[in-house]
Amino acid sequence: GDFARETGDAITWYAKREQYSLVTSFMFWFLGIYIQSLDLTDYTLVWILLSFGTMLILLDIVLYFPETMPIKDKNMPRGIIQTIVDEIRNYRELITGSKWVASTAFESVFVAAGEG
């Protein structure tokens, strides 16, 4: 289940997510403008810092947002292998359970093969 809906505070969670997205967008936009104004010839340090910042943001998202919170259920699979097996089983049910999904997935294989 969705943690935000369970707590009855869904609007606050979604508002915070939108604010976070807006702030990070502006932050990276200003950072891009600043980097362009430097007229650099070697961008190695820029890419290292950008990758580090992105990892910090991803870590913050994983630890903070309710969509990434672990579900406290005793029936949850134990271990990574069981989780992978369950995900593959759910994917197979998704593909075989709907003719539209199956035909769309099958069509996309041929479209991709035709494009080269």
N, C-alpha and C. Protein backbone atom coordinates (compact mmCIF):
# COMPACT_ATOMS: atom_id res chain seq x y z
N GLY A 1 0.79 -1.17 0.00
CA GLY A 1 0.00 0.00 0.00
C GLY A 1 0.85 1.27 0.00
N ASP A 2 0.19 2.33 -0.31
CA ASP A 2 0.83 3.63 -0.34
C ASP A 2 0.87 4.21 1.06
N PHE A 3 2.05 4.52 1.54
CA PHE A 3 2.24 5.04 2.89
C PHE A 3 1.49 6.35 3.08
N ALA A 4 1.47 7.19 2.05
CA ALA A 4 0.80 8.49 2.16
C ALA A 4 -0.70 8.31 2.34
N ARG A 5 -1.28 7.34 1.68
CA ARG A 5 -2.72 7.10 1.83
C ARG A 5 -3.03 6.47 3.18
N GLU A 6 -2.12 5.63 3.67
CA GLU A 6 -2.35 4.99 4.96
C GLU A 6 -2.33 6.01 6.09
N THR A 7 -1.49 7.03 5.97
CA THR A 7 -1.41 8.03 7.03
C THR A 7 -2.45 9.13 6.86
N GLY A 8 -3.15 9.17 5.74
CA GLY A 8 -4.14 10.20 5.50
C GLY A 8 -3.53 11.54 5.14
N ASP A 9 -2.28 11.54 4.72
CA ASP A 9 -1.57 12.79 4.45
C ASP A 9 -1.04 12.80 3.02
N ALA A 10 -1.82 12.29 2.09
CA ALA A 10 -1.36 12.13 0.71
C ALA A 10 -1.03 13.47 0.06
N ILE A 11 -1.83 14.48 0.31
CA ILE A 11 -1.60 15.77 -0.34
C ILE A 11 -0.26 16.35 0.08
N THR A 12 0.08 16.24 1.34
CA THR A 12 1.36 16.76 1.82
C THR A 12 2.53 16.03 1.18
N TRP A 13 2.44 14.72 1.07
CA TRP A 13 3.53 13.95 0.47
C TRP A 13 3.73 14.33 -0.99
N TYR A 14 2.63 14.43 -1.74
CA TYR A 14 2.76 14.78 -3.15
C TYR A 14 3.22 16.21 -3.33
N ALA A 15 2.78 17.11 -2.47
CA ALA A 15 3.23 18.50 -2.54
C ALA A 15 4.73 18.58 -2.27
N LYS A 16 5.21 17.84 -1.28
CA LYS A 16 6.64 17.84 -0.98
C LYS A 16 7.44 17.27 -2.15
N ARG A 17 6.91 16.24 -2.79
CA ARG A 17 7.61 15.65 -3.93
C ARG A 17 7.71 16.66 -5.07
N GLU A 18 6.62 17.38 -5.31
CA GLU A 18 6.64 18.39 -6.37
C GLU A 18 7.59 19.53 -6.02
N GLN A 19 7.60 19.96 -4.77
CA GLN A 19 8.52 21.02 -4.35
C GLN A 19 9.97 20.57 -4.50
N TYR A 20 10.24 19.34 -4.11
CA TYR A 20 11.59 18.79 -4.23
C TYR A 20 12.03 18.76 -5.69
N SER A 21 11.12 18.34 -6.55
CA SER A 21 11.42 18.30 -7.98
C SER A 21 11.69 19.70 -8.53
N LEU A 22 10.89 20.66 -8.13
CA LEU A 22 11.06 22.02 -8.61
C LEU A 22 12.39 22.62 -8.13
N VAL A 23 12.72 22.42 -6.86
CA VAL A 23 13.96 22.97 -6.31
C VAL A 23 15.18 22.34 -6.99
N THR A 24 15.16 21.04 -7.16
CA THR A 24 16.32 20.40 -7.81
C THR A 24 16.43 20.80 -9.27
N SER A 25 15.29 21.02 -9.93
CA SER A 25 15.33 21.46 -11.33
C SER A 25 16.00 22.83 -11.44
N PHE A 26 15.59 23.76 -10.59
CA PHE A 26 16.21 25.08 -10.60
C PHE A 26 17.68 25.01 -10.22
N MET A 27 18.00 24.15 -9.25
CA MET A 27 19.38 24.03 -8.81
C MET A 27 20.27 23.57 -9.98
N PHE A 28 19.83 22.55 -10.69
CA PHE A 28 20.63 22.05 -11.80
C PHE A 28 20.63 23.02 -12.98
N TRP A 29 19.54 23.78 -13.16
CA TRP A 29 19.52 24.76 -14.23
C TRP A 29 20.55 25.86 -13.97
N PHE A 30 20.56 26.39 -12.75
CA PHE A 30 21.55 27.42 -12.41
C PHE A 30 22.97 26.86 -12.45
N LEU A 31 23.14 25.64 -12.02
CA LEU A 31 24.46 25.00 -12.08
C LEU A 31 24.92 24.88 -13.53
N GLY A 32 24.01 24.51 -14.42
CA GLY A 32 24.36 24.42 -15.84
C GLY A 32 24.75 25.76 -16.43
N ILE A 33 24.02 26.79 -16.09
CA ILE A 33 24.35 28.14 -16.58
C ILE A 33 25.73 28.56 -16.06
N TYR A 34 26.01 28.28 -14.78
CA TYR A 34 27.30 28.65 -14.20
C TYR A 34 28.44 27.89 -14.89
N ILE A 35 28.26 26.60 -15.13
CA ILE A 35 29.31 25.81 -15.77
C ILE A 35 29.55 26.30 -17.20
N GLN A 36 28.49 26.67 -17.89
CA GLN A 36 28.67 27.20 -19.25
C GLN A 36 29.43 28.52 -19.23
N SER A 37 29.24 29.31 -18.21
CA SER A 37 29.92 30.60 -18.14
C SER A 37 31.41 30.45 -17.83
N LEU A 38 31.82 29.30 -17.33
CA LEU A 38 33.23 29.09 -17.01
C LEU A 38 34.10 28.81 -18.24
N ASP A 39 33.51 28.42 -19.34
CA ASP A 39 34.23 28.08 -20.57
C ASP A 39 35.33 27.04 -20.30
N LEU A 40 34.93 25.93 -19.69
CA LEU A 40 35.89 24.87 -19.36
C LEU A 40 36.29 24.09 -20.59
N THR A 41 37.48 23.50 -20.53
CA THR A 41 37.92 22.60 -21.60
C THR A 41 37.94 21.15 -21.12
N ASP A 42 38.05 20.93 -19.81
CA ASP A 42 38.04 19.58 -19.25
C ASP A 42 36.89 19.48 -18.26
N TYR A 43 35.95 18.63 -18.56
CA TYR A 43 34.74 18.51 -17.74
C TYR A 43 34.76 17.30 -16.80
N THR A 44 35.90 16.70 -16.58
CA THR A 44 35.98 15.50 -15.74
C THR A 44 35.49 15.79 -14.32
N LEU A 45 35.98 16.84 -13.71
CA LEU A 45 35.57 17.18 -12.35
C LEU A 45 34.09 17.53 -12.29
N VAL A 46 33.59 18.16 -13.32
CA VAL A 46 32.16 18.49 -13.36
C VAL A 46 31.33 17.22 -13.35
N TRP A 47 31.71 16.24 -14.18
CA TRP A 47 30.96 14.98 -14.24
C TRP A 47 31.06 14.20 -12.94
N ILE A 48 32.21 14.24 -12.29
CA ILE A 48 32.36 13.55 -11.01
C ILE A 48 31.44 14.18 -9.97
N LEU A 49 31.45 15.50 -9.88
CA LEU A 49 30.60 16.19 -8.90
C LEU A 49 29.12 16.00 -9.23
N LEU A 50 28.76 16.03 -10.50
CA LEU A 50 27.38 15.82 -10.90
C LEU A 50 26.91 14.41 -10.56
N SER A 51 27.76 13.43 -10.78
CA SER A 51 27.42 12.05 -10.44
C SER A 51 27.27 11.87 -8.94
N PHE A 52 28.14 12.48 -8.17
CA PHE A 52 28.06 12.40 -6.72
C PHE A 52 26.77 13.06 -6.21
N GLY A 53 26.45 14.22 -6.74
CA GLY A 53 25.22 14.89 -6.34
C GLY A 53 23.98 14.09 -6.71
N THR A 54 24.00 13.48 -7.89
CA THR A 54 22.88 12.66 -8.32
C THR A 54 22.71 11.45 -7.41
N MET A 55 23.81 10.84 -7.00
CA MET A 55 23.73 9.71 -6.08
C MET A 55 23.17 10.14 -4.73
N LEU A 56 23.53 11.32 -4.26
CA LEU A 56 22.99 11.82 -3.00
C LEU A 56 21.48 12.06 -3.10
N ILE A 57 21.04 12.61 -4.22
CA ILE A 57 19.61 12.84 -4.42
C ILE A 57 18.87 11.52 -4.49
N LEU A 58 19.42 10.55 -5.20
CA LEU A 58 18.79 9.23 -5.30
C LEU A 58 18.70 8.57 -3.93
N LEU A 59 19.76 8.67 -3.14
CA LEU A 59 19.75 8.11 -1.80
C LEU A 59 18.69 8.78 -0.94
N ASP A 60 18.56 10.10 -1.06
CA ASP A 60 17.55 10.82 -0.32
C ASP A 60 16.14 10.39 -0.72
N ILE A 61 15.93 10.18 -2.01
CA ILE A 61 14.63 9.74 -2.50
C ILE A 61 14.31 8.35 -1.98
N VAL A 62 15.28 7.45 -2.02
CA VAL A 62 15.05 6.09 -1.56
C VAL A 62 14.73 6.05 -0.07
N LEU A 63 15.37 6.90 0.70
CA LEU A 63 15.17 6.88 2.13
C LEU A 63 13.98 7.70 2.61
N TYR A 64 13.47 8.64 1.78
CA TYR A 64 12.47 9.58 2.26
C TYR A 64 11.07 9.36 1.70
N PHE A 65 10.96 9.13 0.39
CA PHE A 65 9.65 9.10 -0.23
C PHE A 65 8.89 7.82 0.09
N PRO A 66 7.57 7.93 0.28
CA PRO A 66 6.77 6.77 0.72
C PRO A 66 6.71 5.66 -0.32
N GLU A 67 6.87 5.99 -1.60
CA GLU A 67 6.83 4.96 -2.63
C GLU A 67 7.98 3.98 -2.50
N THR A 68 9.05 4.41 -1.87
CA THR A 68 10.22 3.55 -1.74
C THR A 68 10.37 2.95 -0.34
N MET A 69 9.42 3.23 0.54
CA MET A 69 9.47 2.66 1.87
C MET A 69 9.15 1.17 1.81
N PRO A 70 9.81 0.38 2.63
CA PRO A 70 9.51 -1.06 2.62
C PRO A 70 8.12 -1.33 3.18
N ILE A 71 7.47 -2.31 2.60
CA ILE A 71 6.16 -2.71 3.07
C ILE A 71 6.36 -3.69 4.23
N LYS A 72 5.72 -3.40 5.34
CA LYS A 72 5.86 -4.26 6.51
C LYS A 72 4.79 -5.33 6.46
N ASP A 73 5.12 -6.41 5.78
CA ASP A 73 4.19 -7.51 5.59
C ASP A 73 4.93 -8.81 5.86
N LYS A 74 4.34 -9.67 6.66
CA LYS A 74 5.00 -10.93 6.98
C LYS A 74 5.01 -11.90 5.80
N ASN A 75 4.15 -11.66 4.81
CA ASN A 75 4.09 -12.54 3.65
C ASN A 75 5.04 -12.12 2.54
N MET A 76 5.87 -11.13 2.79
CA MET A 76 6.82 -10.67 1.79
C MET A 76 7.87 -11.74 1.56
N PRO A 77 8.36 -11.84 0.32
CA PRO A 77 9.39 -12.85 0.03
C PRO A 77 10.68 -12.56 0.79
N ARG A 78 11.36 -13.59 1.13
CA ARG A 78 12.62 -13.47 1.87
C ARG A 78 13.77 -13.67 0.88
N GLY A 79 14.65 -12.72 0.81
CA GLY A 79 15.84 -12.86 -0.02
C GLY A 79 15.68 -12.30 -1.41
N ILE A 80 16.81 -12.03 -2.01
CA ILE A 80 16.83 -11.41 -3.34
C ILE A 80 16.35 -12.36 -4.43
N ILE A 81 16.69 -13.64 -4.32
CA ILE A 81 16.29 -14.61 -5.36
C ILE A 81 14.77 -14.74 -5.39
N GLN A 82 14.14 -14.84 -4.23
CA GLN A 82 12.69 -14.95 -4.18
C GLN A 82 12.02 -13.67 -4.71
N THR A 83 12.61 -12.53 -4.43
CA THR A 83 12.07 -11.27 -4.94
C THR A 83 12.15 -11.23 -6.46
N ILE A 84 13.27 -11.65 -7.03
CA ILE A 84 13.43 -11.67 -8.49
C ILE A 84 12.44 -12.64 -9.12
N VAL A 85 12.29 -13.81 -8.53
CA VAL A 85 11.35 -14.80 -9.06
C VAL A 85 9.93 -14.25 -9.03
N ASP A 86 9.55 -13.59 -7.94
CA ASP A 86 8.21 -12.99 -7.85
C ASP A 86 8.01 -11.89 -8.88
N GLU A 87 9.04 -11.07 -9.11
CA GLU A 87 8.93 -10.00 -10.12
C GLU A 87 8.76 -10.59 -11.52
N ILE A 88 9.51 -11.63 -11.83
CA ILE A 88 9.38 -12.27 -13.15
C ILE A 88 8.00 -12.89 -13.30
N ARG A 89 7.50 -13.51 -12.24
CA ARG A 89 6.17 -14.11 -12.27
C ARG A 89 5.11 -13.02 -12.50
N ASN A 90 5.23 -11.88 -11.81
CA ASN A 90 4.28 -10.78 -12.00
C ASN A 90 4.35 -10.22 -13.41
N TYR A 91 5.56 -10.13 -13.97
CA TYR A 91 5.72 -9.63 -15.34
C TYR A 91 5.07 -10.59 -16.33
N ARG A 92 5.28 -11.87 -16.12
CA ARG A 92 4.68 -12.88 -17.01
C ARG A 92 3.16 -12.80 -16.94
N GLU A 93 2.60 -12.64 -15.75
CA GLU A 93 1.15 -12.51 -15.61
C GLU A 93 0.64 -11.25 -16.30
N LEU A 94 1.42 -10.16 -16.25
CA LEU A 94 1.03 -8.94 -16.92
C LEU A 94 0.97 -9.14 -18.43
N ILE A 95 1.99 -9.80 -18.98
CA ILE A 95 2.04 -10.01 -20.43
C ILE A 95 0.96 -10.98 -20.89
N THR A 96 0.80 -12.10 -20.18
CA THR A 96 -0.15 -13.12 -20.63
C THR A 96 -1.59 -12.81 -20.21
N GLY A 97 -1.78 -11.93 -19.25
CA GLY A 97 -3.13 -11.64 -18.76
C GLY A 97 -3.91 -10.69 -19.63
N SER A 98 -3.24 -9.95 -20.48
CA SER A 98 -3.93 -8.96 -21.30
C SER A 98 -3.49 -9.12 -22.75
N LYS A 99 -4.46 -9.31 -23.63
CA LYS A 99 -4.12 -9.46 -25.05
C LYS A 99 -3.52 -8.18 -25.61
N TRP A 100 -4.00 -7.02 -25.13
CA TRP A 100 -3.48 -5.76 -25.62
C TRP A 100 -2.02 -5.59 -25.24
N VAL A 101 -1.66 -5.88 -23.99
CA VAL A 101 -0.28 -5.74 -23.54
C VAL A 101 0.61 -6.71 -24.31
N ALA A 102 0.14 -7.95 -24.47
CA ALA A 102 0.94 -8.95 -25.18
C ALA A 102 1.16 -8.54 -26.64
N SER A 103 0.11 -8.06 -27.31
CA SER A 103 0.27 -7.68 -28.72
C SER A 103 1.14 -6.44 -28.86
N THR A 104 1.04 -5.50 -27.94
CA THR A 104 1.87 -4.31 -27.98
C THR A 104 3.34 -4.66 -27.75
N ALA A 105 3.61 -5.52 -26.80
CA ALA A 105 4.99 -5.95 -26.54
C ALA A 105 5.54 -6.71 -27.74
N PHE A 106 4.71 -7.58 -28.34
CA PHE A 106 5.15 -8.35 -29.50
C PHE A 106 5.42 -7.43 -30.69
N GLU A 107 4.56 -6.42 -30.85
CA GLU A 107 4.72 -5.46 -31.95
C GLU A 107 6.00 -4.64 -31.76
N SER A 108 6.31 -4.23 -30.54
CA SER A 108 7.49 -3.42 -30.30
C SER A 108 8.78 -4.16 -30.62
N VAL A 109 8.78 -5.47 -30.48
CA VAL A 109 9.96 -6.26 -30.85
C VAL A 109 10.21 -6.14 -32.34
N PHE A 110 9.16 -6.27 -33.15
CA PHE A 110 9.33 -6.18 -34.59
C PHE A 110 9.66 -4.76 -35.06
N VAL A 111 9.10 -3.76 -34.41
CA VAL A 111 9.41 -2.37 -34.75
C VAL A 111 10.88 -2.10 -34.47
N ALA A 112 11.36 -2.54 -33.31
CA ALA A 112 12.77 -2.33 -32.97
C ALA A 112 13.68 -3.09 -33.92
N ALA A 113 13.29 -4.30 -34.30
CA ALA A 113 14.12 -5.08 -35.22
C ALA A 113 14.14 -4.43 -36.61
N GLY A 114 13.02 -3.83 -37.00
CA GLY A 114 12.95 -3.18 -38.31
C GLY A 114 13.76 -1.90 -38.39
N GLU A 115 13.98 -1.26 -37.25
CA GLU A 115 14.73 -0.02 -37.25
C GLU A 115 16.24 -0.24 -37.30
N GLY A 116 16.64 -1.44 -37.05
CA GLY A 116 18.04 -1.75 -37.26
C GLY A 116 18.82 -1.96 -36.05
